[in-house]
Amino acid sequence: MVENQHQKITGYRDLTQDEIDLMNEIKQMEENAANLLIDVGLTDCDQVALLSAQRKLTEGFMWLVRSVAQPNSPWPQLALHPEKKEAETESS
């Protein structure tokens, strides 16, 4: 395994100990939620609803992790340039 992988990946940063602890807490909650989904899946439940819950929980935990990790991303910059939108409106 490569040491300090996050330092070799563009957009990642060092986390504080509090952030690391919070990330580990989130990951533990994610594992608990996955185990709950498994338990529910063993019952006579609505499988479509269960799969929907799994997808939404997966996405929710991803966003929760990103809210702590705050990786750099070019995407928000695209939405933050109102002058470009104004220029497009003026040329129409």
N, C-alpha and C. Protein backbone atom coordinates (compact mmCIF):
# COMPACT_ATOMS: atom_id res chain seq x y z
N MET A 1 0.85 -1.17 0.00
CA MET A 1 0.00 0.00 0.00
C MET A 1 0.90 1.24 0.00
N VAL A 2 0.48 2.28 -0.69
CA VAL A 2 1.22 3.52 -0.79
C VAL A 2 0.93 4.39 0.45
N GLU A 3 1.99 4.86 1.09
CA GLU A 3 1.83 5.75 2.24
C GLU A 3 1.35 7.13 1.79
N ASN A 4 0.55 7.78 2.62
CA ASN A 4 0.09 9.15 2.36
C ASN A 4 -0.52 9.31 0.97
N GLN A 5 -1.40 8.39 0.62
CA GLN A 5 -2.01 8.41 -0.71
C GLN A 5 -2.69 9.74 -1.02
N HIS A 6 -3.37 10.31 -0.02
CA HIS A 6 -4.12 11.56 -0.26
C HIS A 6 -3.20 12.68 -0.71
N GLN A 7 -1.93 12.63 -0.35
CA GLN A 7 -0.99 13.67 -0.77
C GLN A 7 -0.56 13.50 -2.22
N LYS A 8 -0.84 12.35 -2.80
CA LYS A 8 -0.45 12.07 -4.18
C LYS A 8 -1.62 12.23 -5.14
N ILE A 9 -2.79 12.55 -4.62
CA ILE A 9 -3.99 12.69 -5.44
C ILE A 9 -4.38 14.16 -5.46
N THR A 10 -4.51 14.72 -6.64
CA THR A 10 -4.87 16.13 -6.79
C THR A 10 -6.23 16.39 -6.15
N GLY A 11 -6.30 17.46 -5.37
CA GLY A 11 -7.57 17.89 -4.79
C GLY A 11 -7.80 17.42 -3.37
N TYR A 12 -6.95 16.53 -2.86
CA TYR A 12 -7.13 16.05 -1.49
C TYR A 12 -6.24 16.85 -0.56
N ARG A 13 -6.62 16.94 0.71
CA ARG A 13 -5.88 17.73 1.68
C ARG A 13 -5.68 16.93 2.96
N ASP A 14 -4.79 17.41 3.82
CA ASP A 14 -4.61 16.80 5.13
C ASP A 14 -5.81 17.15 6.00
N LEU A 15 -6.28 16.19 6.77
CA LEU A 15 -7.40 16.42 7.69
C LEU A 15 -6.86 16.61 9.10
N THR A 16 -7.61 17.37 9.89
CA THR A 16 -7.26 17.51 11.31
C THR A 16 -7.68 16.22 12.03
N GLN A 17 -7.20 16.04 13.24
CA GLN A 17 -7.58 14.85 14.00
C GLN A 17 -9.09 14.83 14.26
N ASP A 18 -9.68 16.00 14.51
CA ASP A 18 -11.14 16.07 14.71
C ASP A 18 -11.88 15.64 13.44
N GLU A 19 -11.38 16.05 12.28
CA GLU A 19 -12.01 15.65 11.01
C GLU A 19 -11.85 14.15 10.77
N ILE A 20 -10.69 13.61 11.09
CA ILE A 20 -10.46 12.17 10.95
C ILE A 20 -11.41 11.40 11.85
N ASP A 21 -11.56 11.86 13.09
CA ASP A 21 -12.48 11.20 14.03
C ASP A 21 -13.91 11.27 13.50
N LEU A 22 -14.29 12.42 12.96
CA LEU A 22 -15.64 12.58 12.41
C LEU A 22 -15.85 11.67 11.20
N MET A 23 -14.84 11.58 10.33
CA MET A 23 -14.93 10.69 9.16
C MET A 23 -15.10 9.24 9.61
N ASN A 24 -14.36 8.83 10.64
CA ASN A 24 -14.48 7.47 11.14
C ASN A 24 -15.86 7.22 11.75
N GLU A 25 -16.41 8.23 12.39
CA GLU A 25 -17.77 8.11 12.94
C GLU A 25 -18.78 7.96 11.81
N ILE A 26 -18.62 8.74 10.76
CA ILE A 26 -19.51 8.63 9.60
C ILE A 26 -19.41 7.24 8.99
N LYS A 27 -18.18 6.74 8.82
CA LYS A 27 -17.99 5.42 8.22
C LYS A 27 -18.61 4.32 9.09
N GLN A 28 -18.55 4.48 10.41
CA GLN A 28 -19.17 3.51 11.31
C GLN A 28 -20.69 3.54 11.15
N MET A 29 -21.24 4.75 11.05
CA MET A 29 -22.69 4.89 10.85
C MET A 29 -23.10 4.29 9.51
N GLU A 30 -22.27 4.48 8.48
CA GLU A 30 -22.54 3.92 7.16
C GLU A 30 -22.57 2.39 7.23
N GLU A 31 -21.63 1.81 7.95
CA GLU A 31 -21.61 0.35 8.11
C GLU A 31 -22.85 -0.13 8.86
N ASN A 32 -23.24 0.61 9.90
CA ASN A 32 -24.46 0.25 10.64
C ASN A 32 -25.69 0.32 9.74
N ALA A 33 -25.77 1.35 8.91
CA ALA A 33 -26.90 1.49 7.99
C ALA A 33 -26.91 0.35 6.98
N ALA A 34 -25.73 -0.05 6.49
CA ALA A 34 -25.66 -1.16 5.54
C ALA A 34 -26.13 -2.46 6.19
N ASN A 35 -25.74 -2.67 7.44
CA ASN A 35 -26.18 -3.87 8.15
C ASN A 35 -27.69 -3.85 8.38
N LEU A 36 -28.24 -2.68 8.64
CA LEU A 36 -29.69 -2.56 8.81
C LEU A 36 -30.40 -2.88 7.49
N LEU A 37 -29.86 -2.40 6.37
CA LEU A 37 -30.45 -2.72 5.07
C LEU A 37 -30.44 -4.22 4.82
N ILE A 38 -29.36 -4.87 5.20
CA ILE A 38 -29.28 -6.33 5.05
C ILE A 38 -30.37 -7.00 5.88
N ASP A 39 -30.52 -6.56 7.13
CA ASP A 39 -31.56 -7.13 8.01
C ASP A 39 -32.95 -6.92 7.42
N VAL A 40 -33.22 -5.71 6.93
CA VAL A 40 -34.53 -5.43 6.34
C VAL A 40 -34.72 -6.29 5.10
N GLY A 41 -33.66 -6.47 4.32
CA GLY A 41 -33.74 -7.27 3.09
C GLY A 41 -34.07 -8.73 3.34
N LEU A 42 -33.81 -9.20 4.56
CA LEU A 42 -34.12 -10.59 4.90
C LEU A 42 -35.59 -10.77 5.26
N THR A 43 -36.34 -9.67 5.33
CA THR A 43 -37.77 -9.75 5.63
C THR A 43 -38.56 -9.71 4.33
N ASP A 44 -39.87 -9.79 4.45
CA ASP A 44 -40.75 -9.70 3.29
C ASP A 44 -41.03 -8.23 3.01
N CYS A 45 -40.00 -7.50 2.60
CA CYS A 45 -40.12 -6.06 2.39
C CYS A 45 -40.26 -5.76 0.90
N ASP A 46 -40.55 -4.51 0.61
CA ASP A 46 -40.62 -4.03 -0.76
C ASP A 46 -39.20 -3.85 -1.27
N GLN A 47 -38.76 -4.72 -2.15
CA GLN A 47 -37.38 -4.71 -2.64
C GLN A 47 -37.06 -3.45 -3.44
N VAL A 48 -38.02 -2.93 -4.16
CA VAL A 48 -37.79 -1.70 -4.92
C VAL A 48 -37.52 -0.55 -3.96
N ALA A 49 -38.32 -0.46 -2.91
CA ALA A 49 -38.13 0.59 -1.92
C ALA A 49 -36.79 0.41 -1.19
N LEU A 50 -36.43 -0.83 -0.92
CA LEU A 50 -35.16 -1.12 -0.24
C LEU A 50 -33.97 -0.70 -1.11
N LEU A 51 -34.04 -1.01 -2.41
CA LEU A 51 -32.96 -0.60 -3.31
C LEU A 51 -32.89 0.92 -3.43
N SER A 52 -34.03 1.57 -3.42
CA SER A 52 -34.06 3.03 -3.45
C SER A 52 -33.41 3.59 -2.18
N ALA A 53 -33.74 2.99 -1.05
CA ALA A 53 -33.13 3.42 0.22
C ALA A 53 -31.62 3.23 0.18
N GLN A 54 -31.17 2.11 -0.37
CA GLN A 54 -29.73 1.85 -0.45
C GLN A 54 -29.04 2.92 -1.31
N ARG A 55 -29.62 3.22 -2.46
CA ARG A 55 -29.03 4.24 -3.34
C ARG A 55 -28.97 5.60 -2.66
N LYS A 56 -30.06 5.97 -2.01
CA LYS A 56 -30.11 7.29 -1.39
C LYS A 56 -29.20 7.37 -0.16
N LEU A 57 -29.13 6.29 0.60
CA LEU A 57 -28.21 6.28 1.74
C LEU A 57 -26.76 6.33 1.27
N THR A 58 -26.45 5.58 0.22
CA THR A 58 -25.10 5.60 -0.34
C THR A 58 -24.72 7.02 -0.74
N GLU A 59 -25.62 7.68 -1.46
CA GLU A 59 -25.35 9.05 -1.87
C GLU A 59 -25.27 9.99 -0.67
N GLY A 60 -26.16 9.81 0.29
CA GLY A 60 -26.17 10.66 1.47
C GLY A 60 -24.87 10.55 2.26
N PHE A 61 -24.38 9.33 2.44
CA PHE A 61 -23.12 9.16 3.15
C PHE A 61 -21.95 9.72 2.35
N MET A 62 -22.01 9.61 1.03
CA MET A 62 -20.96 10.20 0.20
C MET A 62 -20.91 11.71 0.43
N TRP A 63 -22.07 12.36 0.41
CA TRP A 63 -22.10 13.81 0.60
C TRP A 63 -21.68 14.18 2.02
N LEU A 64 -22.03 13.36 2.98
CA LEU A 64 -21.63 13.62 4.37
C LEU A 64 -20.11 13.57 4.50
N VAL A 65 -19.49 12.57 3.87
CA VAL A 65 -18.03 12.45 3.88
C VAL A 65 -17.41 13.65 3.17
N ARG A 66 -17.95 14.01 2.02
CA ARG A 66 -17.41 15.16 1.27
C ARG A 66 -17.57 16.46 2.05
N SER A 67 -18.62 16.57 2.85
CA SER A 67 -18.81 17.79 3.63
C SER A 67 -17.70 17.98 4.65
N VAL A 68 -17.14 16.89 5.13
CA VAL A 68 -16.02 16.95 6.08
C VAL A 68 -14.70 17.06 5.33
N ALA A 69 -14.50 16.22 4.32
CA ALA A 69 -13.23 16.17 3.60
C ALA A 69 -12.98 17.42 2.77
N GLN A 70 -14.04 18.01 2.23
CA GLN A 70 -13.97 19.21 1.42
C GLN A 70 -12.88 19.13 0.34
N PRO A 71 -12.95 18.11 -0.52
CA PRO A 71 -11.94 18.03 -1.58
C PRO A 71 -12.12 19.17 -2.58
N ASN A 72 -11.03 19.57 -3.20
CA ASN A 72 -11.11 20.60 -4.24
C ASN A 72 -11.85 20.02 -5.43
N SER A 73 -12.63 20.87 -6.09
CA SER A 73 -13.39 20.42 -7.24
C SER A 73 -13.57 21.59 -8.21
N PRO A 74 -13.43 21.34 -9.50
CA PRO A 74 -13.66 22.42 -10.46
C PRO A 74 -15.15 22.71 -10.67
N TRP A 75 -16.02 21.80 -10.27
CA TRP A 75 -17.44 21.94 -10.59
C TRP A 75 -18.10 23.16 -9.99
N PRO A 76 -17.91 23.47 -8.70
CA PRO A 76 -18.58 24.67 -8.18
C PRO A 76 -18.15 25.93 -8.91
N GLN A 77 -16.92 25.98 -9.42
CA GLN A 77 -16.44 27.16 -10.12
C GLN A 77 -17.26 27.43 -11.38
N LEU A 78 -17.77 26.41 -12.00
CA LEU A 78 -18.58 26.59 -13.21
C LEU A 78 -19.86 27.36 -12.90
N ALA A 79 -20.45 27.10 -11.75
CA ALA A 79 -21.70 27.74 -11.37
C ALA A 79 -21.48 29.12 -10.76
N LEU A 80 -20.25 29.47 -10.44
CA LEU A 80 -19.98 30.71 -9.74
C LEU A 80 -19.52 31.84 -10.66
N HIS A 81 -19.74 31.71 -11.95
CA HIS A 81 -19.33 32.75 -12.88
C HIS A 81 -20.55 33.42 -13.51
N PRO A 82 -21.23 34.29 -12.74
CA PRO A 82 -22.43 34.94 -13.28
C PRO A 82 -22.13 35.83 -14.47
N GLU A 83 -20.89 36.34 -14.56
CA GLU A 83 -20.56 37.23 -15.69
C GLU A 83 -20.66 36.49 -17.02
N LYS A 84 -20.36 35.20 -17.04
CA LYS A 84 -20.49 34.42 -18.27
C LYS A 84 -21.95 34.32 -18.67
N LYS A 85 -22.81 34.05 -17.68
CA LYS A 85 -24.23 33.95 -17.97
C LYS A 85 -24.78 35.29 -18.47
N GLU A 86 -24.31 36.38 -17.85
CA GLU A 86 -24.74 37.72 -18.27
C GLU A 86 -24.31 37.98 -19.71
N ALA A 87 -23.08 37.58 -20.06
CA ALA A 87 -22.59 37.78 -21.43
C ALA A 87 -23.43 36.99 -22.42
N GLU A 88 -23.84 35.79 -22.07
CA GLU A 88 -24.67 34.97 -22.95
C GLU A 88 -26.03 35.63 -23.13
N THR A 89 -26.58 36.19 -22.05
CA THR A 89 -27.88 36.84 -22.10
C THR A 89 -27.82 38.09 -22.98
N GLU A 90 -26.75 38.86 -22.85
CA GLU A 90 -26.60 40.09 -23.63
C GLU A 90 -26.45 39.82 -25.11
N SER A 91 -25.82 38.68 -25.45
CA SER A 91 -25.62 38.36 -26.88
C SER A 91 -26.85 37.75 -27.53
N SER A 92 -27.86 37.42 -26.74
CA SER A 92 -29.08 36.80 -27.29
C SER A 92 -30.02 37.83 -27.87
